[in-house]
Protein backbone atom coordinates (compact mmCIF):
# COMPACT_ATOMS: atom_id res chain seq x y z
CA MET A 1 70.96 -22.67 -112.09
CA ASN A 2 69.08 -20.95 -114.90
CA ALA A 3 67.55 -21.77 -118.12
CA ARG A 4 70.71 -21.46 -119.69
CA ASN A 5 72.67 -24.21 -117.58
CA ILE A 6 69.51 -26.40 -118.06
CA HIS A 7 69.92 -26.60 -121.77
CA GLU A 8 73.53 -27.00 -121.31
CA LEU A 9 72.84 -29.76 -118.99
CA SER A 10 70.64 -31.17 -121.20
CA LYS A 11 72.73 -30.97 -124.21
CA MET A 12 75.22 -31.97 -122.80
CA THR A 13 74.26 -35.36 -121.15
CA GLY A 14 71.49 -36.19 -123.84
CA ALA A 15 69.18 -36.96 -120.43
CA PRO A 16 65.86 -35.61 -120.21
CA VAL A 17 65.98 -32.96 -117.49
CA VAL A 18 62.89 -32.46 -114.25
CA TRP A 19 62.93 -29.12 -112.78
CA ARG A 20 61.14 -29.47 -109.68
CA PHE A 21 60.24 -26.10 -107.64
CA ASN A 22 58.02 -25.09 -104.89
CA ASP A 23 57.42 -21.09 -106.52
CA LEU A 24 56.40 -19.25 -109.37
CA ASN A 25 59.84 -18.16 -109.98
CA ALA A 26 61.28 -20.86 -113.20
CA PHE A 27 57.82 -19.33 -115.15
CA THR A 28 58.09 -15.77 -114.48
CA GLY A 29 60.05 -13.10 -115.35
CA GLY A 30 62.04 -12.86 -112.42
CA CYS A 31 59.36 -13.58 -109.51
CA HIS A 32 59.08 -16.09 -106.72
CA TYR A 33 55.16 -14.95 -105.90
CA SER A 34 53.33 -13.11 -108.05
CA ASN A 35 51.11 -10.73 -105.58
CA GLY A 36 48.59 -11.23 -107.57
CA CYS A 37 49.99 -10.07 -110.84
CA THR A 38 48.72 -12.29 -113.74
CA ASN A 39 51.81 -10.50 -116.66
CA TYR A 40 53.75 -13.65 -116.64
CA HIS A 41 50.34 -15.24 -118.64
CA THR A 42 51.43 -13.66 -121.74
CA GLY A 43 55.15 -13.74 -121.04
CA CYS A 44 55.07 -10.80 -118.73
CA GLY A 45 56.85 -7.27 -118.93
CA ASN A 46 54.99 -4.38 -117.71
CA CYS A 47 56.48 -5.74 -114.41
CA PRO A 48 54.75 -3.82 -110.76
CA ALA A 49 57.92 -4.97 -109.28
CA LEU A 50 60.16 -3.00 -111.35
CA LEU A 51 60.80 0.95 -110.88
CA HIS A 52 60.34 2.02 -114.31
CA PRO A 53 58.31 -1.04 -116.01
CA SER A 54 57.54 -1.09 -119.79
CA THR A 55 56.47 -3.27 -122.46
CA LYS A 56 59.86 -4.82 -122.92
CA ASP A 57 61.39 -4.29 -119.71
CA ARG A 58 63.91 -7.13 -117.85
CA SER A 59 60.75 -8.93 -116.29
CA TRP A 60 60.20 -9.72 -120.54
CA ARG A 61 63.70 -10.35 -121.03
CA ASN A 62 64.11 -12.80 -118.35
CA ALA A 63 60.74 -14.58 -119.70
CA GLN A 64 62.09 -14.55 -123.43
CA ALA A 65 65.73 -15.99 -122.38
CA LYS A 66 63.83 -18.62 -120.65
CA MET A 67 61.37 -19.68 -123.64
CA HIS A 68 64.58 -19.74 -125.79
CA TRP A 69 66.56 -21.97 -123.37
CA LEU A 70 63.76 -24.27 -121.95
CA GLY A 71 62.63 -24.48 -125.67
CA GLN A 72 65.47 -26.07 -126.35
CA SER A 73 65.84 -28.69 -124.10
CA ARG A 74 64.28 -31.95 -123.40
CA LEU A 75 62.95 -30.18 -119.97
CA CYS A 76 59.90 -31.02 -118.10
CA PHE A 77 58.45 -28.79 -115.28
CA VAL A 78 57.06 -30.53 -111.78
CA SER A 79 54.70 -27.96 -109.75
CA SER A 80 54.58 -29.17 -106.11
CA THR A 81 50.87 -28.03 -105.60
CA SER A 82 48.22 -27.75 -106.90
CA GLU A 83 48.01 -23.91 -106.81
CA ILE A 84 51.66 -23.82 -108.36
CA ASP A 85 50.66 -26.61 -111.02
CA GLU A 86 48.28 -24.22 -111.94
CA GLN A 87 49.85 -21.24 -112.32
CA LEU A 88 52.53 -22.49 -114.31
CA LYS A 89 50.34 -24.40 -117.09
CA SER A 90 48.46 -20.68 -117.50
CA SER A 91 52.42 -19.38 -118.16
CA ALA A 92 53.93 -18.45 -121.51
CA VAL A 93 56.79 -20.13 -120.71
CA ALA A 94 55.34 -23.66 -119.75
CA LYS A 95 54.08 -23.84 -123.56
CA VAL A 96 57.47 -24.62 -124.61
CA CYS A 97 57.79 -27.86 -122.16
CA ARG A 98 56.36 -30.40 -120.81
CA THR A 99 55.02 -30.70 -117.07
CA ARG A 100 53.98 -32.55 -114.29
CA LEU A 101 52.45 -32.41 -110.61
CA VAL A 102 54.61 -34.56 -108.10
CA MET A 103 52.56 -33.77 -104.90
CA LEU A 104 55.13 -32.74 -101.35
CA SER A 105 55.75 -35.62 -99.32
CA CYS A 106 56.90 -35.33 -95.66
CA GLN A 107 58.56 -37.38 -93.06
CA SER A 108 56.12 -39.77 -91.79
CA LYS A 109 58.60 -41.29 -89.74
CA ASN A 110 59.70 -38.04 -87.55
CA PHE A 111 56.03 -37.13 -87.43
CA ARG A 112 53.19 -38.70 -86.03
CA PRO A 113 51.08 -38.54 -83.63
CA ALA A 114 52.01 -38.71 -79.72
CA ASP A 115 49.71 -38.13 -76.22
CA LYS A 116 49.25 -34.27 -75.91
CA LYS A 117 49.78 -34.44 -71.79
CA ASN A 118 52.97 -36.41 -72.25
CA ALA A 119 54.65 -33.77 -74.96
CA ALA A 120 53.56 -30.48 -73.79
CA ILE A 121 54.85 -32.26 -70.02
CA GLU A 122 57.89 -33.11 -72.24
CA LEU A 123 58.17 -29.56 -73.64
CA GLY A 124 57.83 -28.17 -70.22
CA LEU A 125 54.89 -26.75 -70.87
CA PRO A 126 51.20 -26.50 -68.63
CA PRO A 127 49.27 -30.09 -70.30
CA HIS A 128 45.82 -28.78 -69.02
CA LYS A 129 45.70 -25.77 -71.64
CA GLN A 130 44.71 -25.48 -75.06
CA ILE A 131 48.03 -25.26 -77.16
CA ILE A 132 47.85 -22.92 -80.51
CA PHE A 133 50.82 -23.58 -82.33
CA PHE A 134 52.69 -21.18 -85.31
CA GLY A 135 55.41 -20.11 -86.56
CA ALA A 136 56.59 -16.56 -86.62
CA ASN A 137 59.69 -16.25 -87.66
CA ASP A 138 59.13 -13.75 -90.57
CA LEU A 139 56.73 -11.04 -89.05
CA SER A 140 57.29 -8.35 -90.84
CA ASP A 141 56.63 -9.96 -94.53
CA PRO A 142 52.95 -9.29 -95.26
CA ARG A 143 52.75 -12.75 -97.18
CA LYS A 144 53.29 -14.33 -93.96
CA GLY A 145 49.72 -12.94 -92.64
CA PHE A 146 50.76 -12.22 -89.08
CA SER A 147 48.67 -9.32 -88.71
CA GLU A 148 45.75 -11.00 -89.97
CA LEU A 149 46.69 -13.72 -87.11
CA VAL A 150 46.81 -11.21 -84.63
CA GLN A 151 42.87 -9.47 -85.83
CA SER A 152 41.86 -13.64 -86.01
CA LEU A 153 43.22 -14.24 -82.18
CA GLU A 154 41.28 -11.30 -80.59
CA LEU A 155 38.08 -11.77 -83.25
CA LEU A 156 38.64 -15.57 -81.25
CA LYS A 157 39.02 -13.94 -77.75
CA ALA A 158 35.56 -12.22 -78.10
CA LYS A 159 33.64 -15.24 -79.11
CA LEU A 160 34.93 -16.93 -76.30
CA THR A 161 33.73 -17.21 -73.12
CA ARG A 162 36.10 -15.90 -69.80
CA GLU A 163 36.67 -19.78 -68.67
CA GLN A 164 37.08 -20.93 -72.47
CA GLN A 165 39.86 -18.12 -72.82
CA GLU A 166 41.65 -18.87 -69.48
CA LYS A 167 42.24 -22.27 -71.13
CA ILE A 168 44.14 -21.09 -74.58
CA LEU A 169 48.32 -21.24 -74.88
CA LEU A 170 50.02 -19.44 -77.66
CA VAL A 171 53.03 -20.66 -78.49
CA TYR A 172 55.56 -20.09 -80.81
CA ALA A 173 58.43 -20.23 -82.39
CA SER A 174 60.82 -18.16 -83.85
CA LYS A 175 64.81 -16.54 -84.41
CA ALA A 176 63.50 -13.09 -83.12
CA THR A 177 63.97 -12.23 -79.69
CA ALA A 178 60.97 -11.20 -78.55
CA MET A 179 57.51 -10.64 -79.67
CA GLN A 180 57.22 -6.89 -80.58
CA VAL A 181 53.30 -7.17 -80.94
CA SER A 182 50.70 -7.24 -77.89
CA LEU A 183 48.85 -10.70 -78.36
CA PRO A 184 45.36 -11.29 -77.22
CA PHE A 185 46.05 -14.30 -75.42
CA PRO A 186 49.29 -15.54 -72.75
CA SER A 187 52.14 -17.14 -75.27
CA ILE A 188 55.15 -18.60 -74.80
CA GLN A 189 58.22 -18.48 -77.17
CA LEU A 190 59.54 -21.09 -77.59
CA PRO A 191 63.82 -21.46 -78.17
CA PHE A 192 65.66 -22.67 -81.65
CA LEU A 193 64.16 -26.10 -82.24
CA ASN A 194 67.30 -28.59 -83.47
CA GLY A 195 65.89 -30.97 -85.64
CA ASP A 196 62.26 -32.27 -86.74
CA ASP A 197 61.76 -34.94 -83.23
CA GLN A 198 61.64 -31.84 -81.09
CA LEU A 199 59.94 -30.24 -83.62
CA ALA A 200 57.14 -32.76 -84.33
CA LYS A 201 56.82 -32.98 -80.08
CA VAL A 202 55.58 -28.95 -80.20
CA TYR A 203 53.11 -30.12 -82.80
CA GLN A 204 52.17 -33.54 -80.73
CA ALA A 205 51.25 -30.94 -77.86
CA ALA A 206 49.11 -28.71 -79.75
CA THR A 207 45.58 -28.58 -80.19
CA LEU A 208 45.93 -27.36 -83.20
CA PHE A 209 48.36 -25.70 -85.77
CA VAL A 210 47.57 -21.61 -87.49
CA SER A 211 49.07 -21.21 -90.51
CA PRO A 212 47.69 -17.46 -91.80
CA SER A 213 49.91 -17.02 -94.64
CA ILE A 214 47.86 -14.90 -97.58
CA GLU A 215 50.13 -15.98 -99.87
CA ASP A 216 52.80 -19.09 -99.79
CA ALA A 217 53.80 -21.57 -101.83
CA GLY A 218 53.95 -24.38 -98.45
CA PRO A 219 54.36 -23.75 -95.69
CA MET A 220 55.60 -27.63 -94.92
CA MET A 221 54.40 -27.38 -91.69
CA LEU A 222 51.03 -27.73 -92.99
CA LEU A 223 51.96 -31.36 -93.51
CA GLU A 224 54.50 -31.78 -90.43
CA SER A 225 51.06 -31.09 -88.43
CA ILE A 226 48.42 -32.79 -90.32
CA LEU A 227 50.66 -36.31 -90.14
CA CYS A 228 50.83 -35.72 -86.52
CA GLY A 229 47.51 -35.42 -86.09
CA THR A 230 46.90 -32.19 -85.27
CA PRO A 231 44.61 -30.18 -87.26
CA THR A 232 45.48 -27.07 -88.95
CA ILE A 233 43.10 -23.34 -89.95
CA ALA A 234 44.58 -22.52 -93.01
CA TYR A 235 43.81 -20.00 -95.98
CA ALA A 236 43.28 -21.24 -99.53
CA ILE A 237 46.06 -21.01 -100.91
CA GLY A 238 49.49 -22.74 -101.79
CA LEU A 239 49.77 -25.78 -100.12
CA ALA A 240 47.23 -26.12 -97.65
CA ARG A 241 44.58 -25.90 -100.74
CA ASP A 242 45.95 -29.78 -100.98
CA ALA A 243 46.32 -30.86 -97.79
CA VAL A 244 43.63 -28.82 -94.85
CA ILE A 245 39.72 -30.19 -95.62
CA ASN A 246 37.05 -29.30 -93.80
CA ASN A 247 36.37 -31.54 -90.68
CA VAL A 248 39.36 -34.46 -91.82
CA THR A 249 42.52 -32.16 -91.23
CA GLY A 250 41.65 -28.97 -90.09
CA PHE A 251 39.58 -25.79 -91.38
CA ILE A 252 40.55 -23.94 -94.84
CA VAL A 253 38.84 -20.46 -95.28
CA PRO A 254 39.06 -17.74 -98.00
CA PRO A 255 42.16 -15.64 -98.05
CA ALA A 256 42.51 -13.10 -95.08
CA ASP A 257 38.80 -13.80 -93.80
CA VAL A 258 40.11 -13.27 -90.56
CA ASP A 259 36.43 -13.71 -89.12
CA LYS A 260 36.39 -16.98 -90.86
CA PHE A 261 39.71 -17.55 -89.72
CA ALA A 262 38.86 -17.05 -86.06
CA GLU A 263 35.37 -19.46 -86.37
CA GLY A 264 37.90 -22.24 -87.41
CA ILE A 265 40.15 -21.73 -84.30
CA LYS A 266 36.78 -21.76 -82.01
CA ALA A 267 35.48 -25.05 -83.83
CA VAL A 268 38.73 -27.13 -82.97
CA VAL A 269 39.05 -25.88 -79.42
CA GLN A 270 35.28 -25.79 -78.68
CA MET A 271 35.55 -29.84 -79.72
CA PRO A 272 33.97 -32.40 -77.12
CA ALA A 273 36.92 -34.75 -76.71
CA GLY A 274 35.64 -37.57 -78.36
CA GLU A 275 35.27 -35.66 -81.58
CA TYR A 276 38.75 -34.29 -81.75
CA ALA A 277 39.71 -37.33 -81.43
CA SER A 278 38.21 -37.94 -84.48
CA LEU A 279 39.29 -35.34 -86.26
CA SER A 280 43.20 -36.19 -84.95
CA ARG A 281 42.86 -39.81 -86.63
CA ARG A 282 41.75 -38.42 -89.87
CA CYS A 283 43.83 -35.96 -89.55
CA HIS A 284 46.71 -38.24 -89.72
CA GLN A 285 45.31 -40.64 -92.12
CA ARG A 286 44.85 -37.96 -94.78
CA GLY A 287 48.78 -37.04 -94.21
CA ILE A 288 49.79 -40.91 -94.84
CA ASP A 289 47.62 -41.49 -98.05
CA LEU A 290 48.08 -38.08 -99.96
CA PHE A 291 51.72 -36.81 -98.30
CA SER A 292 53.62 -39.86 -97.98
CA GLU A 293 57.36 -40.27 -99.16
CA LYS A 294 56.47 -43.57 -100.75
CA ARG A 295 53.36 -42.25 -102.38
CA GLU A 296 56.16 -39.64 -103.53
CA LEU A 297 58.80 -41.77 -104.77
CA ALA A 298 56.32 -44.13 -106.78
CA GLU A 299 55.35 -40.82 -108.94
CA TYR A 300 58.56 -39.91 -109.91
CA GLU A 301 59.55 -43.75 -111.22
CA GLU A 302 56.35 -43.20 -112.91
CA LEU A 303 57.75 -39.78 -114.74
CA PHE A 304 60.99 -41.30 -114.98
CA ALA A 305 59.99 -44.52 -116.71
CA GLU A 306 57.52 -41.98 -119.15
CA LEU A 307 60.73 -39.48 -120.12
CA ILE A 308 62.61 -42.67 -120.68
CA LYS A 309 60.77 -44.25 -123.32
CA SER A 310 59.59 -41.16 -125.25
CA ASN A 311 63.08 -39.72 -125.17
CA GLY A 312 61.85 -36.55 -123.22
CA ASN A 313 60.41 -35.24 -126.33
CA ASP A 314 56.19 -35.39 -125.62
CA ARG A 315 54.75 -32.40 -124.22
């Protein structure tokens, strides 16, 4: 689906079109992630991702085509996070379209709290360990922040006593055959997780979930963990800016600040049991309040009603 297809769909049906997205591609000259580039603010051109950038290079032509076709369409852009919404509204393409923020939701019936020791036993994991869970499918992608995670874990180890170190177990889900990097704590690689029930069980068993991504629209794992009542440590990017609140759903730290990331993990693993239980309850409730399917459905119903009433023409 491209901008011209959307224009043709709008023209053929006469109906307003809602385009929901989870990255920047809809309003840039082609990039899904900007990597710090702000050329999309002025319609792209001089693209740093091209071998031979110029004022009117392919990125500029792509952005111009989007503005041409979308400007003739009855279209509403829908952002899924506040960060993407801010980026969208600062773009040249957004000036020809209506925009709206509708936060992502997650299936709360699948992701919910459970007894951590029982969940660990069901997974064959030691129930007495403090499990730090993370995803590890794209270890070579610098946006996923795996090298920063390793640095944070090394810093964490130096901040803990020997007794505290021995309680830590790293658990990761990955399609890779084996972890090629030496980790500072004992680790277990889970086999392929078949479905939400198995994935939820891992969140339920974990003491915390860590999301080291330094450029990401999501990840959805943040919401899944929070709904399971499992606190999250994340950098202040993407969905984390909306989902992670200090001492409510975990801890959020400046992007790529590996020491503060380590401090966030330390704060959770050193919490007294009663304080951790309160954090877990707040975490789950925040997930229900902000990221339920019912809330997302209601916001879309409101948007559709507005578009029908205005005939999709207001911007």
